[in-house]
Amino acid sequence: MDLVKPILLLGGGGHCRSCIDVIESDGRFPIKGVVTAVGGARHDLYGYPTVGDDGDVPDLIAAGLCALVTVGQVKSPQARIRLFNLVKDSGGDLPTVVSASAFVSPRSVVREGSIIMHQACVNASAVVGKNCIVNSQALLEHDVVIGDHCHISTGSRVNGGVLIGAGSFIGSGAVLRENVTIGAGAVIGAGQVILKDVAPGAVIKEVK
């Protein structure tokens, strides 16, 4: 497999650590280093140095790097959207990264800046939008459409024909019945079973 541009990681927290494993298993992108938020702590992460903060991104992109947003997403996608747009506005590329242990059908589409993590499955005719996280062991069945800037969490099951609007969060172990529509910006809590459409911006979670 041919190597492409060295990659810059935008965000140095827990999700970044998981992304490093995926990038290394993908094998195409030498990791240049990590970018922190302005004023953030600078430290090596698994041997990869901090190479700047958000304000340095335009210059780093101009030096020939591509980038991946490695900030996590739970309550809001706004931090990931801001960083994605920062790279785009700087003229940069955001590649798709796929774990060596994931299955992505050649009949599916995964758009720029998205990461498919360990043992995830993206089946035939599924579409994953830009800047998405499809986390470990998540299943996207046939004809699923995921909007931009979504996080499909660990072990979730998205059945055939489901539509998920931009900026949504699907929690760990959630199950979505076939052909339901999840409105943009919705939050589906861990372990929820969704049998009907969910309105945009709705929050569905267990009440304790």
N, C-alpha and C. Protein backbone atom coordinates (compact mmCIF):
# COMPACT_ATOMS: atom_id res chain seq x y z
N MET A 1 0.84 -1.19 0.00
CA MET A 1 0.00 0.00 0.00
C MET A 1 0.88 1.25 0.00
N ASP A 2 0.64 2.17 -0.92
CA ASP A 2 1.45 3.36 -1.01
C ASP A 2 1.13 4.33 0.13
N LEU A 3 2.19 4.95 0.66
CA LEU A 3 2.00 5.98 1.66
C LEU A 3 1.53 7.27 0.99
N VAL A 4 0.73 8.04 1.70
CA VAL A 4 0.30 9.33 1.19
C VAL A 4 0.85 10.41 2.13
N LYS A 5 0.24 11.59 2.16
CA LYS A 5 0.77 12.68 2.96
C LYS A 5 0.86 12.32 4.45
N PRO A 6 1.87 12.85 5.14
CA PRO A 6 1.86 12.74 6.60
C PRO A 6 0.60 13.41 7.16
N ILE A 7 0.12 12.87 8.28
CA ILE A 7 -1.16 13.33 8.82
C ILE A 7 -0.97 14.05 10.15
N LEU A 8 -1.80 15.06 10.34
CA LEU A 8 -1.83 15.88 11.53
C LEU A 8 -3.07 15.51 12.32
N LEU A 9 -2.94 15.33 13.63
CA LEU A 9 -4.06 14.93 14.47
C LEU A 9 -4.54 16.14 15.27
N LEU A 10 -5.81 16.50 15.09
CA LEU A 10 -6.36 17.70 15.71
C LEU A 10 -7.11 17.32 16.97
N GLY A 11 -6.41 17.37 18.12
CA GLY A 11 -6.99 16.99 19.40
C GLY A 11 -6.19 15.87 20.03
N GLY A 12 -5.80 16.03 21.29
CA GLY A 12 -4.90 15.07 21.90
C GLY A 12 -5.45 14.32 23.09
N GLY A 13 -6.77 14.10 23.14
CA GLY A 13 -7.39 13.41 24.26
C GLY A 13 -7.55 11.91 24.03
N GLY A 14 -8.54 11.33 24.73
CA GLY A 14 -8.74 9.89 24.67
C GLY A 14 -9.10 9.39 23.29
N HIS A 15 -9.96 10.14 22.57
CA HIS A 15 -10.31 9.69 21.22
C HIS A 15 -9.09 9.70 20.32
N CYS A 16 -8.22 10.67 20.49
CA CYS A 16 -6.99 10.71 19.69
C CYS A 16 -6.16 9.46 19.90
N ARG A 17 -6.07 9.01 21.14
CA ARG A 17 -5.28 7.80 21.41
C ARG A 17 -5.83 6.60 20.64
N SER A 18 -7.17 6.49 20.60
CA SER A 18 -7.78 5.40 19.83
C SER A 18 -7.53 5.58 18.34
N CYS A 19 -7.60 6.82 17.87
CA CYS A 19 -7.37 7.08 16.44
C CYS A 19 -5.95 6.70 16.03
N ILE A 20 -4.98 6.92 16.91
CA ILE A 20 -3.60 6.57 16.57
C ILE A 20 -3.50 5.09 16.25
N ASP A 21 -4.12 4.23 17.05
CA ASP A 21 -4.10 2.80 16.76
C ASP A 21 -4.69 2.50 15.39
N VAL A 22 -5.81 3.16 15.07
CA VAL A 22 -6.47 2.92 13.79
C VAL A 22 -5.60 3.40 12.64
N ILE A 23 -5.02 4.59 12.77
CA ILE A 23 -4.16 5.13 11.71
C ILE A 23 -2.97 4.21 11.48
N GLU A 24 -2.37 3.75 12.56
CA GLU A 24 -1.22 2.85 12.41
C GLU A 24 -1.62 1.55 11.73
N SER A 25 -2.82 1.03 12.04
CA SER A 25 -3.25 -0.21 11.41
C SER A 25 -3.61 0.00 9.94
N ASP A 26 -4.15 1.17 9.62
CA ASP A 26 -4.46 1.51 8.23
C ASP A 26 -3.18 1.49 7.40
N GLY A 27 -2.12 2.08 7.93
CA GLY A 27 -0.80 1.95 7.32
C GLY A 27 -0.45 2.95 6.23
N ARG A 28 -1.37 3.84 5.88
CA ARG A 28 -1.10 4.76 4.77
C ARG A 28 -0.58 6.12 5.18
N PHE A 29 -0.74 6.48 6.45
CA PHE A 29 -0.53 7.86 6.86
C PHE A 29 0.51 7.96 7.97
N PRO A 30 1.74 8.35 7.65
CA PRO A 30 2.71 8.61 8.72
C PRO A 30 2.19 9.77 9.59
N ILE A 31 2.20 9.59 10.90
CA ILE A 31 1.68 10.61 11.81
C ILE A 31 2.77 11.64 12.08
N LYS A 32 2.49 12.89 11.71
CA LYS A 32 3.44 13.98 11.92
C LYS A 32 3.43 14.43 13.37
N GLY A 33 2.24 14.55 13.96
CA GLY A 33 2.14 15.00 15.34
C GLY A 33 0.74 15.44 15.66
N VAL A 34 0.59 16.00 16.85
CA VAL A 34 -0.72 16.35 17.41
C VAL A 34 -0.81 17.87 17.56
N VAL A 35 -1.99 18.41 17.26
CA VAL A 35 -2.30 19.82 17.49
C VAL A 35 -3.27 19.92 18.66
N THR A 36 -2.98 20.80 19.60
CA THR A 36 -3.85 21.01 20.76
C THR A 36 -4.70 22.26 20.57
N ALA A 37 -5.65 22.44 21.46
CA ALA A 37 -6.37 23.72 21.52
C ALA A 37 -5.40 24.81 21.96
N VAL A 38 -5.73 26.05 21.62
CA VAL A 38 -4.89 27.17 22.04
C VAL A 38 -4.79 27.17 23.56
N GLY A 39 -3.56 27.19 24.07
CA GLY A 39 -3.34 27.16 25.51
C GLY A 39 -3.33 25.77 26.11
N GLY A 40 -3.53 24.74 25.29
CA GLY A 40 -3.56 23.37 25.79
C GLY A 40 -2.17 22.86 26.16
N ALA A 41 -2.15 21.83 27.01
CA ALA A 41 -0.88 21.23 27.43
C ALA A 41 -0.19 20.57 26.24
N ARG A 42 1.10 20.66 26.20
CA ARG A 42 1.89 20.05 25.13
C ARG A 42 2.68 18.87 25.70
N HIS A 43 2.51 17.72 25.09
CA HIS A 43 3.22 16.53 25.55
C HIS A 43 3.23 15.52 24.43
N ASP A 44 4.17 14.60 24.48
CA ASP A 44 4.20 13.51 23.50
C ASP A 44 3.05 12.56 23.77
N LEU A 45 2.50 12.01 22.70
CA LEU A 45 1.42 11.03 22.81
C LEU A 45 1.84 9.79 22.05
N TYR A 46 2.16 8.72 22.80
CA TYR A 46 2.68 7.49 22.21
C TYR A 46 3.89 7.77 21.31
N GLY A 47 4.69 8.76 21.71
CA GLY A 47 5.89 9.09 20.95
C GLY A 47 5.69 10.12 19.87
N TYR A 48 4.45 10.55 19.64
CA TYR A 48 4.18 11.58 18.63
C TYR A 48 4.13 12.94 19.33
N PRO A 49 4.86 13.93 18.82
CA PRO A 49 4.98 15.21 19.52
C PRO A 49 3.78 16.13 19.28
N THR A 50 3.59 17.07 20.19
CA THR A 50 2.71 18.19 19.92
C THR A 50 3.45 19.15 18.99
N VAL A 51 2.83 19.50 17.87
CA VAL A 51 3.51 20.31 16.86
C VAL A 51 2.90 21.71 16.74
N GLY A 52 1.92 22.02 17.59
CA GLY A 52 1.33 23.35 17.55
C GLY A 52 -0.05 23.34 18.16
N ASP A 53 -0.72 24.49 18.01
CA ASP A 53 -2.11 24.59 18.45
C ASP A 53 -2.99 24.97 17.26
N ASP A 54 -4.26 25.17 17.52
CA ASP A 54 -5.21 25.41 16.43
C ASP A 54 -4.77 26.57 15.53
N GLY A 55 -4.16 27.58 16.12
CA GLY A 55 -3.72 28.73 15.33
C GLY A 55 -2.62 28.41 14.34
N ASP A 56 -1.93 27.29 14.52
CA ASP A 56 -0.84 26.89 13.62
C ASP A 56 -1.32 26.03 12.45
N VAL A 57 -2.59 25.65 12.46
CA VAL A 57 -3.08 24.71 11.44
C VAL A 57 -2.87 25.22 10.03
N PRO A 58 -3.19 26.48 9.69
CA PRO A 58 -2.97 26.90 8.29
C PRO A 58 -1.52 26.72 7.83
N ASP A 59 -0.56 27.06 8.69
CA ASP A 59 0.85 26.91 8.30
C ASP A 59 1.24 25.45 8.17
N LEU A 60 0.73 24.60 9.05
CA LEU A 60 1.05 23.17 8.98
C LEU A 60 0.45 22.54 7.72
N ILE A 61 -0.76 22.94 7.37
CA ILE A 61 -1.38 22.44 6.14
C ILE A 61 -0.57 22.91 4.93
N ALA A 62 -0.13 24.17 4.96
CA ALA A 62 0.65 24.71 3.84
C ALA A 62 1.98 23.98 3.67
N ALA A 63 2.47 23.36 4.76
CA ALA A 63 3.72 22.60 4.69
C ALA A 63 3.54 21.22 4.09
N GLY A 64 2.31 20.88 3.68
CA GLY A 64 2.09 19.63 2.96
C GLY A 64 1.48 18.51 3.76
N LEU A 65 0.83 18.83 4.89
CA LEU A 65 0.22 17.81 5.71
C LEU A 65 -1.27 17.70 5.41
N CYS A 66 -1.82 16.50 5.57
CA CYS A 66 -3.27 16.33 5.64
C CYS A 66 -3.64 16.25 7.12
N ALA A 67 -4.92 16.12 7.43
CA ALA A 67 -5.34 16.19 8.84
C ALA A 67 -6.53 15.29 9.09
N LEU A 68 -6.67 14.91 10.36
CA LEU A 68 -7.84 14.18 10.83
C LEU A 68 -8.29 14.82 12.14
N VAL A 69 -9.59 15.06 12.28
CA VAL A 69 -10.12 15.57 13.54
C VAL A 69 -10.18 14.43 14.54
N THR A 70 -9.43 14.56 15.63
CA THR A 70 -9.35 13.49 16.62
C THR A 70 -9.89 13.92 17.98
N VAL A 71 -10.73 14.95 17.96
CA VAL A 71 -11.53 15.31 19.13
C VAL A 71 -12.76 14.41 19.14
N GLY A 72 -13.16 13.92 20.29
CA GLY A 72 -14.34 13.08 20.38
C GLY A 72 -15.63 13.87 20.28
N GLN A 73 -16.74 13.16 20.26
CA GLN A 73 -18.06 13.79 20.14
C GLN A 73 -19.07 13.02 20.97
N VAL A 74 -19.71 13.69 21.94
CA VAL A 74 -20.80 13.10 22.70
C VAL A 74 -22.01 14.02 22.66
N LYS A 75 -21.95 15.12 23.42
CA LYS A 75 -23.12 15.98 23.50
C LYS A 75 -23.29 16.88 22.29
N SER A 76 -22.19 17.30 21.69
CA SER A 76 -22.27 18.27 20.60
C SER A 76 -21.18 17.99 19.56
N PRO A 77 -21.50 18.17 18.28
CA PRO A 77 -20.49 18.01 17.24
C PRO A 77 -19.72 19.28 16.94
N GLN A 78 -19.99 20.37 17.68
CA GLN A 78 -19.49 21.67 17.25
C GLN A 78 -17.96 21.77 17.23
N ALA A 79 -17.28 21.16 18.20
CA ALA A 79 -15.82 21.21 18.19
C ALA A 79 -15.26 20.51 16.96
N ARG A 80 -15.83 19.37 16.61
CA ARG A 80 -15.37 18.64 15.43
C ARG A 80 -15.68 19.42 14.15
N ILE A 81 -16.84 20.02 14.09
CA ILE A 81 -17.20 20.81 12.90
C ILE A 81 -16.23 21.99 12.74
N ARG A 82 -15.94 22.68 13.85
CA ARG A 82 -15.03 23.83 13.78
C ARG A 82 -13.66 23.42 13.25
N LEU A 83 -13.12 22.31 13.74
CA LEU A 83 -11.81 21.86 13.30
C LEU A 83 -11.83 21.38 11.86
N PHE A 84 -12.88 20.67 11.48
CA PHE A 84 -13.02 20.24 10.09
C PHE A 84 -13.01 21.45 9.16
N ASN A 85 -13.78 22.47 9.51
CA ASN A 85 -13.86 23.67 8.67
C ASN A 85 -12.54 24.43 8.66
N LEU A 86 -11.81 24.41 9.78
CA LEU A 86 -10.50 25.05 9.82
C LEU A 86 -9.56 24.44 8.80
N VAL A 87 -9.55 23.11 8.71
CA VAL A 87 -8.70 22.44 7.73
C VAL A 87 -9.15 22.77 6.31
N LYS A 88 -10.44 22.71 6.06
CA LYS A 88 -10.95 23.00 4.72
C LYS A 88 -10.64 24.45 4.32
N ASP A 89 -10.85 25.38 5.25
CA ASP A 89 -10.57 26.78 4.95
C ASP A 89 -9.08 27.04 4.70
N SER A 90 -8.24 26.14 5.23
CA SER A 90 -6.79 26.26 5.04
C SER A 90 -6.33 25.54 3.78
N GLY A 91 -7.27 24.98 3.03
CA GLY A 91 -6.93 24.29 1.79
C GLY A 91 -6.44 22.87 1.99
N GLY A 92 -6.72 22.29 3.16
CA GLY A 92 -6.19 20.97 3.48
C GLY A 92 -7.10 19.82 3.10
N ASP A 93 -6.51 18.64 3.08
CA ASP A 93 -7.22 17.39 2.81
C ASP A 93 -7.49 16.68 4.12
N LEU A 94 -8.67 16.04 4.20
CA LEU A 94 -9.04 15.20 5.34
C LEU A 94 -9.36 13.82 4.79
N PRO A 95 -8.41 12.89 4.87
CA PRO A 95 -8.63 11.58 4.27
C PRO A 95 -9.60 10.73 5.10
N THR A 96 -10.04 9.66 4.49
CA THR A 96 -10.79 8.63 5.20
C THR A 96 -9.79 7.62 5.77
N VAL A 97 -9.98 7.25 7.04
CA VAL A 97 -9.09 6.30 7.70
C VAL A 97 -9.91 5.08 8.10
N VAL A 98 -9.41 3.89 7.80
CA VAL A 98 -10.14 2.65 8.05
C VAL A 98 -9.23 1.66 8.76
N SER A 99 -9.67 1.17 9.90
CA SER A 99 -8.91 0.14 10.62
C SER A 99 -8.74 -1.11 9.77
N ALA A 100 -7.60 -1.74 9.93
CA ALA A 100 -7.34 -2.99 9.23
C ALA A 100 -8.31 -4.09 9.64
N SER A 101 -8.92 -3.97 10.82
CA SER A 101 -9.85 -5.00 11.28
C SER A 101 -11.31 -4.67 10.98
N ALA A 102 -11.58 -3.54 10.35
CA ALA A 102 -12.94 -3.17 9.96
C ALA A 102 -13.29 -3.78 8.61
N PHE A 103 -14.60 -3.89 8.35
CA PHE A 103 -15.07 -4.26 7.02
C PHE A 103 -15.85 -3.09 6.44
N VAL A 104 -15.40 -2.61 5.29
CA VAL A 104 -16.10 -1.56 4.56
C VAL A 104 -16.38 -2.10 3.16
N SER A 105 -17.65 -2.29 2.85
CA SER A 105 -18.01 -2.84 1.55
C SER A 105 -17.49 -1.95 0.42
N PRO A 106 -16.98 -2.56 -0.64
CA PRO A 106 -16.60 -1.76 -1.81
C PRO A 106 -17.80 -1.10 -2.48
N ARG A 107 -18.99 -1.50 -2.07
CA ARG A 107 -20.23 -0.92 -2.62
C ARG A 107 -20.81 0.16 -1.69
N SER A 108 -20.03 0.54 -0.69
CA SER A 108 -20.43 1.62 0.20
C SER A 108 -19.62 2.88 -0.11
N VAL A 109 -20.00 3.98 0.54
CA VAL A 109 -19.29 5.26 0.38
C VAL A 109 -18.95 5.78 1.77
N VAL A 110 -17.70 6.14 1.98
CA VAL A 110 -17.26 6.80 3.22
C VAL A 110 -16.58 8.09 2.80
N ARG A 111 -17.12 9.22 3.25
CA ARG A 111 -16.66 10.51 2.77
C ARG A 111 -15.52 11.07 3.62
N GLU A 112 -14.97 12.17 3.17
CA GLU A 112 -13.70 12.70 3.70
C GLU A 112 -13.76 12.99 5.20
N GLY A 113 -12.64 12.72 5.83
CA GLY A 113 -12.48 13.05 7.24
C GLY A 113 -13.11 12.07 8.20
N SER A 114 -13.71 11.00 7.70
CA SER A 114 -14.35 10.02 8.58
C SER A 114 -13.38 8.90 8.94
N ILE A 115 -13.61 8.31 10.11
CA ILE A 115 -12.77 7.21 10.58
C ILE A 115 -13.66 6.02 10.91
N ILE A 116 -13.25 4.86 10.41
CA ILE A 116 -13.94 3.59 10.65
C ILE A 116 -13.03 2.79 11.57
N MET A 117 -13.49 2.54 12.79
CA MET A 117 -12.61 2.02 13.83
C MET A 117 -12.66 0.50 13.92
N HIS A 118 -11.95 -0.06 14.85
CA HIS A 118 -11.70 -1.50 14.88
C HIS A 118 -12.99 -2.32 14.90
N GLN A 119 -13.04 -3.31 14.01
CA GLN A 119 -14.11 -4.30 13.92
C GLN A 119 -15.48 -3.69 13.61
N ALA A 120 -15.51 -2.45 13.13
CA ALA A 120 -16.76 -1.89 12.63
C ALA A 120 -17.09 -2.52 11.28
N CYS A 121 -18.38 -2.44 10.91
CA CYS A 121 -18.84 -3.02 9.65
C CYS A 121 -19.72 -2.00 8.93
N VAL A 122 -19.35 -1.68 7.70
CA VAL A 122 -20.13 -0.79 6.85
C VAL A 122 -20.55 -1.61 5.63
N ASN A 123 -21.82 -1.97 5.57
CA ASN A 123 -22.27 -2.92 4.56
C ASN A 123 -22.66 -2.25 3.25
N ALA A 124 -23.08 -3.07 2.29
CA ALA A 124 -23.30 -2.63 0.92
C ALA A 124 -24.32 -1.49 0.84
N SER A 125 -23.99 -0.51 0.01
CA SER A 125 -24.84 0.65 -0.28
C SER A 125 -25.05 1.59 0.90
N ALA A 126 -24.29 1.40 1.97
CA ALA A 126 -24.31 2.38 3.06
C ALA A 126 -23.50 3.60 2.65
N VAL A 127 -23.88 4.76 3.21
CA VAL A 127 -23.17 6.01 2.96
C VAL A 127 -22.85 6.65 4.30
N VAL A 128 -21.57 6.94 4.52
CA VAL A 128 -21.11 7.63 5.72
C VAL A 128 -20.66 9.02 5.30
N GLY A 129 -21.22 10.04 5.92
CA GLY A 129 -20.91 11.42 5.55
C GLY A 129 -19.52 11.86 5.97
N LYS A 130 -19.27 13.14 5.85
CA LYS A 130 -17.98 13.73 6.17
C LYS A 130 -17.78 13.84 7.68
N ASN A 131 -16.52 13.67 8.11
CA ASN A 131 -16.12 13.97 9.48
C ASN A 131 -16.91 13.16 10.51
N CYS A 132 -17.16 11.90 10.20
CA CYS A 132 -17.91 11.02 11.10
C CYS A 132 -16.97 10.07 11.84
N ILE A 133 -17.43 9.61 12.99
CA ILE A 133 -16.79 8.52 13.73
C ILE A 133 -17.72 7.32 13.66
N VAL A 134 -17.24 6.22 13.10
CA VAL A 134 -17.94 4.93 13.20
C VAL A 134 -17.07 4.10 14.14
N ASN A 135 -17.50 4.00 15.38
CA ASN A 135 -16.61 3.51 16.43
C ASN A 135 -16.55 1.98 16.46
N SER A 136 -15.71 1.46 17.33
CA SER A 136 -15.39 0.04 17.36
C SER A 136 -16.64 -0.82 17.47
N GLN A 137 -16.71 -1.83 16.60
CA GLN A 137 -17.77 -2.85 16.57
C GLN A 137 -19.16 -2.29 16.24
N ALA A 138 -19.23 -1.07 15.73
CA ALA A 138 -20.51 -0.56 15.25
C ALA A 138 -20.87 -1.25 13.93
N LEU A 139 -22.17 -1.43 13.70
CA LEU A 139 -22.68 -2.04 12.47
C LEU A 139 -23.57 -1.06 11.74
N LEU A 140 -23.23 -0.78 10.49
CA LEU A 140 -24.09 -0.02 9.59
C LEU A 140 -24.54 -0.97 8.50
N GLU A 141 -25.81 -1.29 8.50
CA GLU A 141 -26.32 -2.27 7.54
C GLU A 141 -26.56 -1.62 6.16
N HIS A 142 -27.03 -2.44 5.23
CA HIS A 142 -27.22 -2.00 3.85
C HIS A 142 -28.14 -0.78 3.77
N ASP A 143 -27.78 0.13 2.89
CA ASP A 143 -28.62 1.30 2.55
C ASP A 143 -28.79 2.29 3.69
N VAL A 144 -28.00 2.19 4.73
CA VAL A 144 -27.98 3.22 5.77
C VAL A 144 -27.33 4.48 5.22
N VAL A 145 -27.85 5.64 5.61
CA VAL A 145 -27.24 6.91 5.23
C VAL A 145 -26.98 7.71 6.51
N ILE A 146 -25.70 8.03 6.74
CA ILE A 146 -25.28 8.78 7.91
C ILE A 146 -24.88 10.18 7.45
N GLY A 147 -25.49 11.22 8.01
CA GLY A 147 -25.13 12.58 7.65
C GLY A 147 -23.76 12.97 8.15
N ASP A 148 -23.31 14.15 7.74
CA ASP A 148 -22.00 14.65 8.14
C ASP A 148 -21.93 14.87 9.66
N HIS A 149 -20.73 14.74 10.21
CA HIS A 149 -20.41 15.11 11.59
C HIS A 149 -21.20 14.29 12.62
N CYS A 150 -21.39 13.02 12.36
CA CYS A 150 -22.08 12.13 13.29
C CYS A 150 -21.07 11.23 14.00
N HIS A 151 -21.48 10.75 15.19
CA HIS A 151 -20.71 9.75 15.92
C HIS A 151 -21.61 8.54 16.15
N ILE A 152 -21.23 7.41 15.56
CA ILE A 152 -21.93 6.14 15.76
C ILE A 152 -21.08 5.34 16.73
N SER A 153 -21.55 5.23 17.97
CA SER A 153 -20.69 4.76 19.06
C SER A 153 -20.48 3.25 19.05
N THR A 154 -19.64 2.83 19.96
CA THR A 154 -19.21 1.44 20.07
C THR A 154 -20.40 0.48 20.18
N GLY A 155 -20.36 -0.56 19.37
CA GLY A 155 -21.33 -1.64 19.48
C GLY A 155 -22.74 -1.29 19.09
N SER A 156 -22.98 -0.14 18.51
CA SER A 156 -24.34 0.21 18.09
C SER A 156 -24.71 -0.57 16.84
N ARG A 157 -26.04 -0.75 16.64
CA ARG A 157 -26.56 -1.53 15.51
C ARG A 157 -27.56 -0.67 14.74
N VAL A 158 -27.16 -0.29 13.55
CA VAL A 158 -28.00 0.57 12.70
C VAL A 158 -28.48 -0.30 11.54
N ASN A 159 -29.75 -0.63 11.55
CA ASN A 159 -30.27 -1.60 10.59
C ASN A 159 -30.61 -0.96 9.25
N GLY A 160 -30.92 -1.81 8.29
CA GLY A 160 -31.03 -1.40 6.90
C GLY A 160 -31.98 -0.24 6.67
N GLY A 161 -31.55 0.68 5.81
CA GLY A 161 -32.40 1.78 5.37
C GLY A 161 -32.56 2.92 6.35
N VAL A 162 -31.86 2.90 7.48
CA VAL A 162 -31.96 3.98 8.45
C VAL A 162 -31.29 5.24 7.89
N LEU A 163 -31.90 6.39 8.16
CA LEU A 163 -31.33 7.69 7.81
C LEU A 163 -31.02 8.44 9.10
N ILE A 164 -29.79 8.91 9.24
CA ILE A 164 -29.36 9.64 10.43
C ILE A 164 -28.91 11.02 10.00
N GLY A 165 -29.55 12.05 10.54
CA GLY A 165 -29.26 13.41 10.15
C GLY A 165 -27.93 13.91 10.67
N ALA A 166 -27.44 14.97 10.05
CA ALA A 166 -26.13 15.54 10.37
C ALA A 166 -26.02 15.91 11.85
N GLY A 167 -24.83 15.70 12.40
CA GLY A 167 -24.54 16.12 13.76
C GLY A 167 -25.15 15.27 14.84
N SER A 168 -25.64 14.09 14.51
CA SER A 168 -26.28 13.24 15.50
C SER A 168 -25.27 12.36 16.23
N PHE A 169 -25.70 11.90 17.41
CA PHE A 169 -24.90 11.00 18.23
C PHE A 169 -25.73 9.77 18.54
N ILE A 170 -25.17 8.59 18.23
CA ILE A 170 -25.82 7.31 18.52
C ILE A 170 -24.98 6.60 19.57
N GLY A 171 -25.53 6.40 20.77
CA GLY A 171 -24.77 5.89 21.89
C GLY A 171 -24.40 4.42 21.80
N SER A 172 -23.50 4.02 22.66
CA SER A 172 -22.99 2.64 22.67
C SER A 172 -24.12 1.64 22.86
N GLY A 173 -24.13 0.61 22.01
CA GLY A 173 -25.10 -0.46 22.15
C GLY A 173 -26.51 -0.11 21.74
N ALA A 174 -26.75 1.08 21.21
CA ALA A 174 -28.09 1.42 20.72
C ALA A 174 -28.45 0.56 19.52
N VAL A 175 -29.75 0.29 19.37
CA VAL A 175 -30.26 -0.48 18.23
C VAL A 175 -31.31 0.36 17.53
N LEU A 176 -31.13 0.55 16.23
CA LEU A 176 -32.08 1.32 15.43
C LEU A 176 -32.76 0.38 14.45
N ARG A 177 -34.10 0.30 14.56
CA ARG A 177 -34.88 -0.56 13.66
C ARG A 177 -34.73 -0.10 12.22
N GLU A 178 -34.92 -1.03 11.31
CA GLU A 178 -34.78 -0.71 9.90
C GLU A 178 -35.74 0.42 9.49
N ASN A 179 -35.23 1.27 8.60
CA ASN A 179 -36.00 2.32 7.91
C ASN A 179 -36.46 3.48 8.80
N VAL A 180 -35.98 3.57 10.04
CA VAL A 180 -36.33 4.75 10.84
C VAL A 180 -35.45 5.93 10.41
N THR A 181 -35.93 7.14 10.71
CA THR A 181 -35.19 8.36 10.43
C THR A 181 -34.87 9.06 11.75
N ILE A 182 -33.60 9.39 11.91
CA ILE A 182 -33.13 10.13 13.09
C ILE A 182 -32.84 11.56 12.62
N GLY A 183 -33.56 12.53 13.18
CA GLY A 183 -33.39 13.91 12.75
C GLY A 183 -32.03 14.48 13.09
N ALA A 184 -31.63 15.51 12.36
CA ALA A 184 -30.34 16.15 12.57
C ALA A 184 -30.17 16.60 14.01
N GLY A 185 -28.98 16.38 14.54
CA GLY A 185 -28.66 16.85 15.88
C GLY A 185 -29.26 16.06 17.01
N ALA A 186 -29.85 14.91 16.72
CA ALA A 186 -30.44 14.08 17.77
C ALA A 186 -29.35 13.39 18.58
N VAL A 187 -29.70 13.05 19.81
CA VAL A 187 -28.81 12.29 20.70
C VAL A 187 -29.56 11.06 21.17
N ILE A 188 -29.04 9.89 20.82
CA ILE A 188 -29.63 8.61 21.23
C ILE A 188 -28.72 8.01 22.29
N GLY A 189 -29.22 7.83 23.49
CA GLY A 189 -28.40 7.37 24.59
C GLY A 189 -27.96 5.92 24.44
N ALA A 190 -26.99 5.54 25.25
CA ALA A 190 -26.47 4.18 25.23
C ALA A 190 -27.57 3.17 25.52
N GLY A 191 -27.60 2.11 24.73
CA GLY A 191 -28.51 1.00 24.97
C GLY A 191 -29.95 1.24 24.56
N GLN A 192 -30.26 2.36 23.97
CA GLN A 192 -31.65 2.63 23.59
C GLN A 192 -32.04 1.80 22.36
N VAL A 193 -33.29 1.40 22.32
CA VAL A 193 -33.84 0.68 21.17
C VAL A 193 -34.84 1.63 20.49
N ILE A 194 -34.54 1.98 19.26
CA ILE A 194 -35.32 2.98 18.54
C ILE A 194 -36.18 2.27 17.49
N LEU A 195 -37.50 2.35 17.68
CA LEU A 195 -38.44 1.64 16.81
C LEU A 195 -39.23 2.58 15.91
N LYS A 196 -39.09 3.89 16.11
CA LYS A 196 -39.82 4.86 15.28
C LYS A 196 -38.95 6.09 15.07
N ASP A 197 -39.39 6.96 14.18
CA ASP A 197 -38.62 8.14 13.83
C ASP A 197 -38.37 9.02 15.06
N VAL A 198 -37.24 9.72 15.04
CA VAL A 198 -36.84 10.63 16.11
C VAL A 198 -36.71 12.03 15.52
N ALA A 199 -37.30 13.01 16.19
CA ALA A 199 -37.31 14.38 15.69
C ALA A 199 -35.92 15.00 15.75
N PRO A 200 -35.64 15.98 14.87
CA PRO A 200 -34.37 16.70 14.96
C PRO A 200 -34.15 17.29 16.34
N GLY A 201 -32.93 17.16 16.85
CA GLY A 201 -32.56 17.72 18.12
C GLY A 201 -33.07 17.00 19.34
N ALA A 202 -33.82 15.93 19.17
CA ALA A 202 -34.38 15.18 20.30
C ALA A 202 -33.27 14.47 21.06
N VAL A 203 -33.49 14.29 22.36
CA VAL A 203 -32.57 13.53 23.21
C VAL A 203 -33.35 12.35 23.78
N ILE A 204 -32.90 11.15 23.42
CA ILE A 204 -33.55 9.92 23.84
C ILE A 204 -32.59 9.18 24.77
N LYS A 205 -32.95 9.11 26.06
CA LYS A 205 -32.05 8.45 26.99
C LYS A 205 -32.87 7.81 28.11
N GLU A 206 -32.24 6.86 28.77
CA GLU A 206 -32.89 6.19 29.89
C GLU A 206 -33.06 7.15 31.05
N VAL A 207 -34.23 7.14 31.64
CA VAL A 207 -34.49 7.98 32.79
C VAL A 207 -34.29 7.15 34.05
N LYS A 208 -33.43 7.62 34.97
CA LYS A 208 -33.16 6.87 36.20
C LYS A 208 -33.63 7.67 37.39
